[in-house]
Amino acid sequence: MTRLPTLEVFRRFTGSVQIAHHIAGRIRFKLGAIELDQAGREALADAKQFQHALDSIPGVKSIRLNLLARSCTVEYDPAVIPQQAWPDVLGGIDSPASAKLLGILRDKLEGMRDA
């Protein structure tokens, strides 16, 4: 059975993610180093689960995960997801922008659980 990502796992996962480049509508993240031990394999599984979850949320146009380069590029609609949401979520900042993105993600994850 596939593990479904949770918002708490997402928050843990974002702890090893940094913004490499960001313009309105497109953001590239640099992923932290992933060891190939049990925790690393779980982190890779989490990354793939979040790619699937994020790829189909309102406001996300596309997501490309390159595990070899340890990067992830997200193209999004800034009219739906505020540009400031990304750095605020990664920085743990409670703002209207981060609340918007986390709310969209929470709704998606709950929908995946209910399906």
PDB file of N, CA and C in Angstrom:
ATOM      1  N   MET A   1       0.847  -1.190   0.000  1.00  0.00           N
ATOM      2  CA  MET A   1       0.000   0.000   0.000  1.00  0.00           C
ATOM      3  C   MET A   1       0.888   1.247   0.000  1.00  0.00           C
ATOM      4  N   THR A   2       0.551   2.222  -0.815  1.00  0.00           N
ATOM      5  CA  THR A   2       1.324   3.448  -0.924  1.00  0.00           C
ATOM      6  C   THR A   2       1.023   4.364   0.253  1.00  0.00           C
ATOM      7  N   ARG A   3       2.096   4.905   0.849  1.00  0.00           N
ATOM      8  CA  ARG A   3       1.902   5.882   1.920  1.00  0.00           C
ATOM      9  C   ARG A   3       1.418   7.180   1.315  1.00  0.00           C
ATOM     10  N   LEU A   4       0.414   7.770   1.930  1.00  0.00           N
ATOM     11  CA  LEU A   4      -0.068   9.058   1.465  1.00  0.00           C
ATOM     12  C   LEU A   4       0.634  10.158   2.245  1.00  0.00           C
ATOM     13  N   PRO A   5       1.065  11.208   1.562  1.00  0.00           N
ATOM     14  CA  PRO A   5       1.734  12.293   2.270  1.00  0.00           C
ATOM     15  C   PRO A   5       0.758  13.043   3.164  1.00  0.00           C
ATOM     16  N   THR A   6       1.270  13.583   4.236  1.00  0.00           N
ATOM     17  CA  THR A   6       0.465  14.406   5.134  1.00  0.00           C
ATOM     18  C   THR A   6       1.081  15.788   5.174  1.00  0.00           C
ATOM     19  N   LEU A   7       0.331  16.732   5.691  1.00  0.00           N
ATOM     20  CA  LEU A   7       0.851  18.093   5.789  1.00  0.00           C
ATOM     21  C   LEU A   7       2.065  18.135   6.710  1.00  0.00           C
ATOM     22  N   GLU A   8       2.064  17.317   7.762  1.00  0.00           N
ATOM     23  CA  GLU A   8       3.202  17.291   8.686  1.00  0.00           C
ATOM     24  C   GLU A   8       4.450  16.736   8.005  1.00  0.00           C
ATOM     25  N   VAL A   9       4.298  15.690   7.200  1.00  0.00           N
ATOM     26  CA  VAL A   9       5.430  15.149   6.445  1.00  0.00           C
ATOM     27  C   VAL A   9       5.919  16.200   5.453  1.00  0.00           C
ATOM     28  N   PHE A  10       4.983  16.921   4.827  1.00  0.00           N
ATOM     29  CA  PHE A  10       5.357  17.986   3.895  1.00  0.00           C
ATOM     30  C   PHE A  10       6.200  19.042   4.603  1.00  0.00           C
ATOM     31  N   ARG A  11       5.798  19.437   5.798  1.00  0.00           N
ATOM     32  CA  ARG A  11       6.556  20.445   6.545  1.00  0.00           C
ATOM     33  C   ARG A  11       7.963  19.938   6.883  1.00  0.00           C
ATOM     34  N   ARG A  12       8.086  18.654   7.248  1.00  0.00           N
ATOM     35  CA  ARG A  12       9.412  18.071   7.508  1.00  0.00           C
ATOM     36  C   ARG A  12      10.242  18.059   6.237  1.00  0.00           C
ATOM     37  N   PHE A  13       9.615  17.663   5.130  1.00  0.00           N
ATOM     38  CA  PHE A  13      10.302  17.572   3.849  1.00  0.00           C
ATOM     39  C   PHE A  13      10.841  18.931   3.408  1.00  0.00           C
ATOM     40  N   THR A  14      10.056  19.989   3.617  1.00  0.00           N
ATOM     41  CA  THR A  14      10.484  21.315   3.172  1.00  0.00           C
ATOM     42  C   THR A  14      11.658  21.852   3.982  1.00  0.00           C
ATOM     43  N   GLY A  15      11.966  21.213   5.099  1.00  0.00           N
ATOM     44  CA  GLY A  15      13.110  21.648   5.897  1.00  0.00           C
ATOM     45  C   GLY A  15      14.435  21.481   5.179  1.00  0.00           C
ATOM     46  N   SER A  16      14.500  20.599   4.184  1.00  0.00           N
ATOM     47  CA  SER A  16      15.750  20.380   3.456  1.00  0.00           C
ATOM     48  C   SER A  16      15.692  20.968   2.046  1.00  0.00           C
ATOM     49  N   VAL A  17      14.741  21.865   1.811  1.00  0.00           N
ATOM     50  CA  VAL A  17      14.546  22.466   0.495  1.00  0.00           C
ATOM     51  C   VAL A  17      14.899  23.949   0.556  1.00  0.00           C
ATOM     52  N   GLN A  18      15.591  24.419  -0.471  1.00  0.00           N
ATOM     53  CA  GLN A  18      15.916  25.843  -0.574  1.00  0.00           C
ATOM     54  C   GLN A  18      15.470  26.357  -1.935  1.00  0.00           C
ATOM     55  N   ILE A  19      15.142  27.627  -1.990  1.00  0.00           N
ATOM     56  CA  ILE A  19      14.776  28.247  -3.269  1.00  0.00           C
ATOM     57  C   ILE A  19      16.059  28.588  -4.010  1.00  0.00           C
ATOM     58  N   ALA A  20      16.179  28.044  -5.225  1.00  0.00           N
ATOM     59  CA  ALA A  20      17.348  28.335  -6.059  1.00  0.00           C
ATOM     60  C   ALA A  20      17.086  29.534  -6.973  1.00  0.00           C
ATOM     61  N   HIS A  21      15.846  29.656  -7.437  1.00  0.00           N
ATOM     62  CA  HIS A  21      15.486  30.729  -8.363  1.00  0.00           C
ATOM     63  C   HIS A  21      13.973  30.909  -8.304  1.00  0.00           C
ATOM     64  N   HIS A  22      13.506  32.167  -8.348  1.00  0.00           N
ATOM     65  CA  HIS A  22      12.071  32.391  -8.248  1.00  0.00           C
ATOM     66  C   HIS A  22      11.675  33.656  -8.987  1.00  0.00           C
ATOM     67  N   ILE A  23      10.791  33.499  -9.948  1.00  0.00           N
ATOM     68  CA  ILE A  23      10.108  34.623 -10.580  1.00  0.00           C
ATOM     69  C   ILE A  23       8.620  34.300 -10.502  1.00  0.00           C
ATOM     70  N   ALA A  24       7.783  35.291 -10.615  1.00  0.00           N
ATOM     71  CA  ALA A  24       6.342  35.046 -10.537  1.00  0.00           C
ATOM     72  C   ALA A  24       5.945  33.994 -11.569  1.00  0.00           C
ATOM     73  N   GLY A  25       5.356  32.911 -11.098  1.00  0.00           N
ATOM     74  CA  GLY A  25       4.898  31.853 -11.985  1.00  0.00           C
ATOM     75  C   GLY A  25       5.851  30.684 -12.152  1.00  0.00           C
ATOM     76  N   ARG A  26       7.075  30.818 -11.655  1.00  0.00           N
ATOM     77  CA  ARG A  26       8.047  29.727 -11.801  1.00  0.00           C
ATOM     78  C   ARG A  26       9.042  29.772 -10.652  1.00  0.00           C
ATOM     79  N   ILE A  27       9.202  28.629  -9.991  1.00  0.00           N
ATOM     80  CA  ILE A  27      10.145  28.538  -8.881  1.00  0.00           C
ATOM     81  C   ILE A  27      10.939  27.249  -9.014  1.00  0.00           C
ATOM     82  N   ARG A  28      12.236  27.348  -8.745  1.00  0.00           N
ATOM     83  CA  ARG A  28      13.091  26.153  -8.761  1.00  0.00           C
ATOM     84  C   ARG A  28      13.657  25.972  -7.366  1.00  0.00           C
ATOM     85  N   PHE A  29      13.467  24.761  -6.856  1.00  0.00           N
ATOM     86  CA  PHE A  29      13.962  24.406  -5.530  1.00  0.00           C
ATOM     87  C   PHE A  29      15.202  23.536  -5.652  1.00  0.00           C
ATOM     88  N   LYS A  30      16.095  23.691  -4.721  1.00  0.00           N
ATOM     89  CA  LYS A  30      17.245  22.798  -4.591  1.00  0.00           C
ATOM     90  C   LYS A  30      16.947  21.897  -3.406  1.00  0.00           C
ATOM     91  N   LEU A  31      16.984  20.597  -3.642  1.00  0.00           N
ATOM     92  CA  LEU A  31      16.698  19.630  -2.597  1.00  0.00           C
ATOM     93  C   LEU A  31      17.970  19.298  -1.841  1.00  0.00           C
ATOM     94  N   GLY A  32      17.846  19.039  -0.550  1.00  0.00           N
ATOM     95  CA  GLY A  32      18.993  18.651   0.255  1.00  0.00           C
ATOM     96  C   GLY A  32      19.540  17.304  -0.184  1.00  0.00           C
ATOM     97  N   ALA A  33      20.742  17.007   0.242  1.00  0.00           N
ATOM     98  CA  ALA A  33      21.360  15.720  -0.077  1.00  0.00           C
ATOM     99  C   ALA A  33      20.518  14.601   0.528  1.00  0.00           C
ATOM    100  N   ILE A  34      20.369  13.540  -0.235  1.00  0.00           N
ATOM    101  CA  ILE A  34      19.595  12.395   0.222  1.00  0.00           C
ATOM    102  C   ILE A  34      20.519  11.184   0.261  1.00  0.00           C
ATOM    103  N   GLU A  35      20.713  10.657   1.444  1.00  0.00           N
ATOM    104  CA  GLU A  35      21.509   9.441   1.603  1.00  0.00           C
ATOM    105  C   GLU A  35      20.673   8.243   1.156  1.00  0.00           C
ATOM    106  N   LEU A  36      21.322   7.163   0.784  1.00  0.00           N
ATOM    107  CA  LEU A  36      20.594   5.994   0.328  1.00  0.00           C
ATOM    108  C   LEU A  36      20.359   4.979   1.445  1.00  0.00           C
ATOM    109  N   ASP A  37      20.222   5.467   2.685  1.00  0.00           N
ATOM    110  CA  ASP A  37      19.837   4.601   3.788  1.00  0.00           C
ATOM    111  C   ASP A  37      18.310   4.554   3.859  1.00  0.00           C
ATOM    112  N   GLN A  38      17.764   3.930   4.883  1.00  0.00           N
ATOM    113  CA  GLN A  38      16.309   3.807   5.001  1.00  0.00           C
ATOM    114  C   GLN A  38      15.629   5.182   5.019  1.00  0.00           C
ATOM    115  N   ALA A  39      16.174   6.108   5.787  1.00  0.00           N
ATOM    116  CA  ALA A  39      15.593   7.455   5.846  1.00  0.00           C
ATOM    117  C   ALA A  39      15.656   8.131   4.478  1.00  0.00           C
ATOM    118  N   GLY A  40      16.741   7.912   3.748  1.00  0.00           N
ATOM    119  CA  GLY A  40      16.878   8.488   2.416  1.00  0.00           C
ATOM    120  C   GLY A  40      15.878   7.913   1.435  1.00  0.00           C
ATOM    121  N   ARG A  41      15.662   6.608   1.517  1.00  0.00           N
ATOM    122  CA  ARG A  41      14.667   5.979   0.643  1.00  0.00           C
ATOM    123  C   ARG A  41      13.270   6.515   0.960  1.00  0.00           C
ATOM    124  N   GLU A  42      12.990   6.735   2.250  1.00  0.00           N
ATOM    125  CA  GLU A  42      11.701   7.313   2.623  1.00  0.00           C
ATOM    126  C   GLU A  42      11.583   8.745   2.108  1.00  0.00           C
ATOM    127  N   ALA A  43      12.675   9.504   2.158  1.00  0.00           N
ATOM    128  CA  ALA A  43      12.659  10.879   1.649  1.00  0.00           C
ATOM    129  C   ALA A  43      12.399  10.891   0.142  1.00  0.00           C
ATOM    130  N   LEU A  44      13.002   9.947  -0.593  1.00  0.00           N
ATOM    131  CA  LEU A  44      12.746   9.857  -2.031  1.00  0.00           C
ATOM    132  C   LEU A  44      11.285   9.507  -2.295  1.00  0.00           C
ATOM    133  N   ALA A  45      10.743   8.589  -1.523  1.00  0.00           N
ATOM    134  CA  ALA A  45       9.336   8.224  -1.677  1.00  0.00           C
ATOM    135  C   ALA A  45       8.452   9.435  -1.374  1.00  0.00           C
ATOM    136  N   ASP A  46       8.794  10.188  -0.325  1.00  0.00           N
ATOM    137  CA  ASP A  46       8.033  11.396   0.013  1.00  0.00           C
ATOM    138  C   ASP A  46       8.094  12.397  -1.133  1.00  0.00           C
ATOM    139  N   ALA A  47       9.295  12.574  -1.722  1.00  0.00           N
ATOM    140  CA  ALA A  47       9.453  13.534  -2.819  1.00  0.00           C
ATOM    141  C   ALA A  47       8.556  13.155  -3.986  1.00  0.00           C
ATOM    142  N   LYS A  48       8.507  11.874  -4.312  1.00  0.00           N
ATOM    143  CA  LYS A  48       7.666  11.441  -5.429  1.00  0.00           C
ATOM    144  C   LYS A  48       6.186  11.594  -5.097  1.00  0.00           C
ATOM    145  N   GLN A  49       5.804  11.311  -3.848  1.00  0.00           N
ATOM    146  CA  GLN A  49       4.415  11.491  -3.434  1.00  0.00           C
ATOM    147  C   GLN A  49       4.015  12.968  -3.522  1.00  0.00           C
ATOM    148  N   PHE A  50       4.912  13.859  -3.085  1.00  0.00           N
ATOM    149  CA  PHE A  50       4.590  15.278  -3.130  1.00  0.00           C
ATOM    150  C   PHE A  50       4.567  15.801  -4.548  1.00  0.00           C
ATOM    151  N   GLN A  51       5.403  15.241  -5.416  1.00  0.00           N
ATOM    152  CA  GLN A  51       5.325  15.640  -6.819  1.00  0.00           C
ATOM    153  C   GLN A  51       3.929  15.319  -7.343  1.00  0.00           C
ATOM    154  N   HIS A  52       3.442  14.129  -7.051  1.00  0.00           N
ATOM    155  CA  HIS A  52       2.109  13.730  -7.501  1.00  0.00           C
ATOM    156  C   HIS A  52       1.035  14.637  -6.887  1.00  0.00           C
ATOM    157  N   ALA A  53       1.141  14.913  -5.604  1.00  0.00           N
ATOM    158  CA  ALA A  53       0.143  15.752  -4.930  1.00  0.00           C
ATOM    159  C   ALA A  53       0.171  17.177  -5.466  1.00  0.00           C
ATOM    160  N   LEU A  54       1.355  17.761  -5.579  1.00  0.00           N
ATOM    161  CA  LEU A  54       1.465  19.145  -6.032  1.00  0.00           C
ATOM    162  C   LEU A  54       1.088  19.311  -7.495  1.00  0.00           C
ATOM    163  N   ASP A  55       1.355  18.278  -8.291  1.00  0.00           N
ATOM    164  CA  ASP A  55       1.117  18.367  -9.724  1.00  0.00           C
ATOM    165  C   ASP A  55      -0.352  18.575 -10.060  1.00  0.00           C
ATOM    166  N   SER A  56      -1.235  18.247  -9.136  1.00  0.00           N
ATOM    167  CA  SER A  56      -2.655  18.343  -9.453  1.00  0.00           C
ATOM    168  C   SER A  56      -3.421  19.293  -8.532  1.00  0.00           C
ATOM    169  N   ILE A  57      -2.719  20.200  -7.846  1.00  0.00           N
ATOM    170  CA  ILE A  57      -3.444  21.155  -7.017  1.00  0.00           C
ATOM    171  C   ILE A  57      -3.804  22.386  -7.846  1.00  0.00           C
ATOM    172  N   PRO A  58      -4.884  23.057  -7.469  1.00  0.00           N
ATOM    173  CA  PRO A  58      -5.255  24.285  -8.176  1.00  0.00           C
ATOM    174  C   PRO A  58      -4.092  25.288  -8.151  1.00  0.00           C
ATOM    175  N   GLY A  59      -3.803  25.841  -9.296  1.00  0.00           N
ATOM    176  CA  GLY A  59      -2.754  26.853  -9.401  1.00  0.00           C
ATOM    177  C   GLY A  59      -1.420  26.322  -9.869  1.00  0.00           C
ATOM    178  N   VAL A  60      -1.198  25.013  -9.812  1.00  0.00           N
ATOM    179  CA  VAL A  60       0.070  24.450 -10.289  1.00  0.00           C
ATOM    180  C   VAL A  60      -0.124  23.965 -11.714  1.00  0.00           C
ATOM    181  N   LYS A  61       0.692  24.502 -12.613  1.00  0.00           N
ATOM    182  CA  LYS A  61       0.604  24.131 -14.027  1.00  0.00           C
ATOM    183  C   LYS A  61       1.442  22.896 -14.321  1.00  0.00           C
ATOM    184  N   SER A  62       2.643  22.839 -13.749  1.00  0.00           N
ATOM    185  CA  SER A  62       3.503  21.669 -13.961  1.00  0.00           C
ATOM    186  C   SER A  62       4.554  21.612 -12.865  1.00  0.00           C
ATOM    187  N   ILE A  63       5.073  20.426 -12.688  1.00  0.00           N
ATOM    188  CA  ILE A  63       6.147  20.220 -11.726  1.00  0.00           C
ATOM    189  C   ILE A  63       7.107  19.202 -12.320  1.00  0.00           C
ATOM    190  N   ARG A  64       8.389  19.533 -12.260  1.00  0.00           N
ATOM    191  CA  ARG A  64       9.424  18.637 -12.770  1.00  0.00           C
ATOM    192  C   ARG A  64      10.411  18.356 -11.641  1.00  0.00           C
ATOM    193  N   LEU A  65      10.496  17.109 -11.282  1.00  0.00           N
ATOM    194  CA  LEU A  65      11.393  16.675 -10.221  1.00  0.00           C
ATOM    195  C   LEU A  65      12.569  15.976 -10.863  1.00  0.00           C
ATOM    196  N   ASN A  66      13.779  16.473 -10.591  1.00  0.00           N
ATOM    197  CA  ASN A  66      15.000  15.863 -11.110  1.00  0.00           C
ATOM    198  C   ASN A  66      15.824  15.414  -9.906  1.00  0.00           C
ATOM    199  N   LEU A  67      15.652  14.156  -9.515  1.00  0.00           N
ATOM    200  CA  LEU A  67      16.344  13.666  -8.326  1.00  0.00           C
ATOM    201  C   LEU A  67      17.851  13.593  -8.528  1.00  0.00           C
ATOM    202  N   LEU A  68      18.298  13.329  -9.757  1.00  0.00           N
ATOM    203  CA  LEU A  68      19.734  13.270 -10.018  1.00  0.00           C
ATOM    204  C   LEU A  68      20.380  14.634  -9.763  1.00  0.00           C
ATOM    205  N   ALA A  69      19.712  15.704 -10.197  1.00  0.00           N
ATOM    206  CA  ALA A  69      20.232  17.063  -9.989  1.00  0.00           C
ATOM    207  C   ALA A  69      19.777  17.643  -8.650  1.00  0.00           C
ATOM    208  N   ARG A  70      18.953  16.888  -7.926  1.00  0.00           N
ATOM    209  CA  ARG A  70      18.394  17.339  -6.647  1.00  0.00           C
ATOM    210  C   ARG A  70      17.706  18.687  -6.802  1.00  0.00           C
ATOM    211  N   SER A  71      16.840  18.767  -7.819  1.00  0.00           N
ATOM    212  CA  SER A  71      16.097  20.009  -8.018  1.00  0.00           C
ATOM    213  C   SER A  71      14.659  19.705  -8.412  1.00  0.00           C
ATOM    214  N   CYS A  72      13.831  20.714  -8.224  1.00  0.00           N
ATOM    215  CA  CYS A  72      12.417  20.601  -8.547  1.00  0.00           C
ATOM    216  C   CYS A  72      11.968  21.971  -9.059  1.00  0.00           C
ATOM    217  N   THR A  73      11.320  21.986 -10.211  1.00  0.00           N
ATOM    218  CA  THR A  73      10.812  23.225 -10.785  1.00  0.00           C
ATOM    219  C   THR A  73       9.291  23.162 -10.828  1.00  0.00           C
ATOM    220  N   VAL A  74       8.670  24.207 -10.314  1.00  0.00           N
ATOM    221  CA  VAL A  74       7.212  24.295 -10.286  1.00  0.00           C
ATOM    222  C   VAL A  74       6.799  25.525 -11.080  1.00  0.00           C
ATOM    223  N   GLU A  75       5.923  25.302 -12.062  1.00  0.00           N
ATOM    224  CA  GLU A  75       5.299  26.412 -12.767  1.00  0.00           C
ATOM    225  C   GLU A  75       3.896  26.540 -12.184  1.00  0.00           C
ATOM    226  N   TYR A  76       3.541  27.755 -11.774  1.00  0.00           N
ATOM    227  CA  TYR A  76       2.280  27.974 -11.082  1.00  0.00           C
ATOM    228  C   TYR A  76       1.628  29.267 -11.527  1.00  0.00           C
ATOM    229  N   ASP A  77       0.361  29.402 -11.193  1.00  0.00           N
ATOM    230  CA  ASP A  77      -0.411  30.603 -11.509  1.00  0.00           C
ATOM    231  C   ASP A  77      -0.363  31.527 -10.290  1.00  0.00           C
ATOM    232  N   PRO A  78       0.349  32.655 -10.368  1.00  0.00           N
ATOM    233  CA  PRO A  78       0.448  33.552  -9.215  1.00  0.00           C
ATOM    234  C   PRO A  78      -0.887  34.218  -8.849  1.00  0.00           C
ATOM    235  N   ALA A  79      -1.891  34.109  -9.704  1.00  0.00           N
ATOM    236  CA  ALA A  79      -3.219  34.615  -9.348  1.00  0.00           C
ATOM    237  C   ALA A  79      -3.917  33.661  -8.376  1.00  0.00           C
ATOM    238  N   VAL A  80      -3.484  32.406  -8.348  1.00  0.00           N
ATOM    239  CA  VAL A  80      -4.063  31.412  -7.449  1.00  0.00           C
ATOM    240  C   VAL A  80      -3.172  31.193  -6.232  1.00  0.00           C
ATOM    241  N   ILE A  81      -1.875  31.051  -6.472  1.00  0.00           N
ATOM    242  CA  ILE A  81      -0.898  30.865  -5.395  1.00  0.00           C
ATOM    243  C   ILE A  81      -0.016  32.110  -5.364  1.00  0.00           C
ATOM    244  N   PRO A  82      -0.108  32.907  -4.316  1.00  0.00           N
ATOM    245  CA  PRO A  82       0.692  34.130  -4.253  1.00  0.00           C
ATOM    246  C   PRO A  82       2.198  33.814  -4.318  1.00  0.00           C
ATOM    247  N   GLN A  83       2.935  34.670  -5.008  1.00  0.00           N
ATOM    248  CA  GLN A  83       4.383  34.467  -5.148  1.00  0.00           C
ATOM    249  C   GLN A  83       5.061  34.343  -3.785  1.00  0.00           C
ATOM    250  N   GLN A  84       4.628  35.109  -2.816  1.00  0.00           N
ATOM    251  CA  GLN A  84       5.256  35.101  -1.490  1.00  0.00           C
ATOM    252  C   GLN A  84       4.960  33.825  -0.704  1.00  0.00           C
ATOM    253  N   ALA A  85       3.983  33.041  -1.157  1.00  0.00           N
ATOM    254  CA  ALA A  85       3.613  31.818  -0.429  1.00  0.00           C
ATOM    255  C   ALA A  85       4.784  30.854  -0.314  1.00  0.00           C
ATOM    256  N   TRP A  86       5.544  30.699  -1.387  1.00  0.00           N
ATOM    257  CA  TRP A  86       6.637  29.709  -1.394  1.00  0.00           C
ATOM    258  C   TRP A  86       7.698  30.017  -0.352  1.00  0.00           C
ATOM    259  N   PRO A  87       8.293  31.231  -0.353  1.00  0.00           N
ATOM    260  CA  PRO A  87       9.305  31.501   0.672  1.00  0.00           C
ATOM    261  C   PRO A  87       8.724  31.518   2.084  1.00  0.00           C
ATOM    262  N   ASP A  88       7.476  31.945   2.221  1.00  0.00           N
ATOM    263  CA  ASP A  88       6.870  31.957   3.551  1.00  0.00           C
ATOM    264  C   ASP A  88       6.674  30.539   4.081  1.00  0.00           C
ATOM    265  N   VAL A  89       6.198  29.630   3.247  1.00  0.00           N
ATOM    266  CA  VAL A  89       6.016  28.239   3.683  1.00  0.00           C
ATOM    267  C   VAL A  89       7.359  27.624   4.043  1.00  0.00           C
ATOM    268  N   LEU A  90       8.368  27.809   3.192  1.00  0.00           N
ATOM    269  CA  LEU A  90       9.686  27.230   3.474  1.00  0.00           C
ATOM    270  C   LEU A  90      10.314  27.837   4.723  1.00  0.00           C
ATOM    271  N   GLY A  91      10.037  29.113   4.968  1.00  0.00           N
ATOM    272  CA  GLY A  91      10.595  29.790   6.127  1.00  0.00           C
ATOM    273  C   GLY A  91       9.769  29.620   7.393  1.00  0.00           C
ATOM    274  N   GLY A  92       8.652  28.908   7.293  1.00  0.00           N
ATOM    275  CA  GLY A  92       7.798  28.710   8.455  1.00  0.00           C
ATOM    276  C   GLY A  92       7.091  29.980   8.895  1.00  0.00           C
ATOM    277  N   ILE A  93       6.894  30.902   7.957  1.00  0.00           N
ATOM    278  CA  ILE A  93       6.272  32.187   8.264  1.00  0.00           C
ATOM    279  C   ILE A  93       4.760  32.069   8.109  1.00  0.00           C
ATOM    280  N   ASP A  94       4.038  32.449   9.144  1.00  0.00           N
ATOM    281  CA  ASP A  94       2.580  32.424   9.126  1.00  0.00           C
ATOM    282  C   ASP A  94       2.106  33.731   8.487  1.00  0.00           C
ATOM    283  N   SER A  95       1.644  33.633   7.251  1.00  0.00           N
ATOM    284  CA  SER A  95       1.180  34.814   6.523  1.00  0.00           C
ATOM    285  C   SER A  95      -0.056  34.430   5.721  1.00  0.00           C
ATOM    286  N   PRO A  96      -0.806  35.410   5.220  1.00  0.00           N
ATOM    287  CA  PRO A  96      -1.947  35.071   4.354  1.00  0.00           C
ATOM    288  C   PRO A  96      -1.507  34.275   3.117  1.00  0.00           C
ATOM    289  N   ALA A  97      -0.341  34.591   2.576  1.00  0.00           N
ATOM    290  CA  ALA A  97       0.153  33.875   1.391  1.00  0.00           C
ATOM    291  C   ALA A  97       0.452  32.417   1.722  1.00  0.00           C
ATOM    292  N   SER A  98       1.156  32.176   2.829  1.00  0.00           N
ATOM    293  CA  SER A  98       1.476  30.788   3.195  1.00  0.00           C
ATOM    294  C   SER A  98       0.202  30.035   3.568  1.00  0.00           C
ATOM    295  N   ALA A  99      -0.748  30.705   4.226  1.00  0.00           N
ATOM    296  CA  ALA A  99      -2.010  30.064   4.580  1.00  0.00           C
ATOM    297  C   ALA A  99      -2.773  29.625   3.330  1.00  0.00           C
ATOM    298  N   LYS A 100      -2.697  30.428   2.282  1.00  0.00           N
ATOM    299  CA  LYS A 100      -3.369  30.094   1.015  1.00  0.00           C
ATOM    300  C   LYS A 100      -2.784  28.816   0.426  1.00  0.00           C
ATOM    301  N   LEU A 101      -1.457  28.741   0.299  1.00  0.00           N
ATOM    302  CA  LEU A 101      -0.802  27.559  -0.269  1.00  0.00           C
ATOM    303  C   LEU A 101      -1.018  26.333   0.610  1.00  0.00           C
ATOM    304  N   LEU A 102      -0.853  26.485   1.915  1.00  0.00           N
ATOM    305  CA  LEU A 102      -1.047  25.348   2.817  1.00  0.00           C
ATOM    306  C   LEU A 102      -2.494  24.876   2.815  1.00  0.00           C
ATOM    307  N   GLY A 103      -3.433  25.792   2.679  1.00  0.00           N
ATOM    308  CA  GLY A 103      -4.840  25.414   2.599  1.00  0.00           C
ATOM    309  C   GLY A 103      -5.137  24.609   1.340  1.00  0.00           C
ATOM    310  N   ILE A 104      -4.589  25.047   0.219  1.00  0.00           N
ATOM    311  CA  ILE A 104      -4.765  24.320  -1.044  1.00  0.00           C
ATOM    312  C   ILE A 104      -4.158  22.926  -0.915  1.00  0.00           C
ATOM    313  N   LEU A 105      -2.954  22.858  -0.359  1.00  0.00           N
ATOM    314  CA  LEU A 105      -2.279  21.575  -0.206  1.00  0.00           C
ATOM    315  C   LEU A 105      -3.019  20.668   0.780  1.00  0.00           C
ATOM    316  N   ARG A 106      -3.467  21.219   1.887  1.00  0.00           N
ATOM    317  CA  ARG A 106      -4.214  20.433   2.879  1.00  0.00           C
ATOM    318  C   ARG A 106      -5.474  19.838   2.252  1.00  0.00           C
ATOM    319  N   ASP A 107      -6.217  20.650   1.482  1.00  0.00           N
ATOM    320  CA  ASP A 107      -7.422  20.163   0.822  1.00  0.00           C
ATOM    321  C   ASP A 107      -7.090  19.018  -0.133  1.00  0.00           C
ATOM    322  N   LYS A 108      -5.998  19.150  -0.879  1.00  0.00           N
ATOM    323  CA  LYS A 108      -5.599  18.106  -1.823  1.00  0.00           C
ATOM    324  C   LYS A 108      -5.228  16.820  -1.087  1.00  0.00           C
ATOM    325  N   LEU A 109      -4.428  16.936  -0.035  1.00  0.00           N
ATOM    326  CA  LEU A 109      -3.989  15.749   0.710  1.00  0.00           C
ATOM    327  C   LEU A 109      -5.166  15.051   1.366  1.00  0.00           C
ATOM    328  N   GLU A 110      -6.108  15.821   1.907  1.00  0.00           N
ATOM    329  CA  GLU A 110      -7.301  15.214   2.504  1.00  0.00           C
ATOM    330  C   GLU A 110      -8.137  14.518   1.448  1.00  0.00           C
ATOM    331  N   GLY A 111      -8.226  15.098   0.266  1.00  0.00           N
ATOM    332  CA  GLY A 111      -8.953  14.469  -0.841  1.00  0.00           C
ATOM    333  C   GLY A 111      -8.313  13.164  -1.272  1.00  0.00           C
ATOM    334  N   MET A 112      -6.971  13.119  -1.253  1.00  0.00           N
ATOM    335  CA  MET A 112      -6.259  11.883  -1.611  1.00  0.00           C
ATOM    336  C   MET A 112      -6.548  10.806  -0.581  1.00  0.00           C
ATOM    337  N   ARG A 113      -6.616  11.184   0.685  1.00  0.00           N
ATOM    338  CA  ARG A 113      -6.882  10.219   1.751  1.00  0.00           C
ATOM    339  C   ARG A 113      -8.302   9.660   1.645  1.00  0.00           C
ATOM    340  N   ASP A 114      -9.236  10.539   1.259  1.00  0.00           N
ATOM    341  CA  ASP A 114     -10.634  10.134   1.188  1.00  0.00           C
ATOM    342  C   ASP A 114     -10.933   9.294  -0.058  1.00  0.00           C
ATOM    343  N   ALA A 115     -10.079   9.375  -1.062  1.00  0.00           N
ATOM    344  CA  ALA A 115     -10.326   8.650  -2.328  1.00  0.00           C
ATOM    345  C   ALA A 115     -10.085   7.165  -2.194  1.00  0.00           C
TER     346      ALA A 115
END
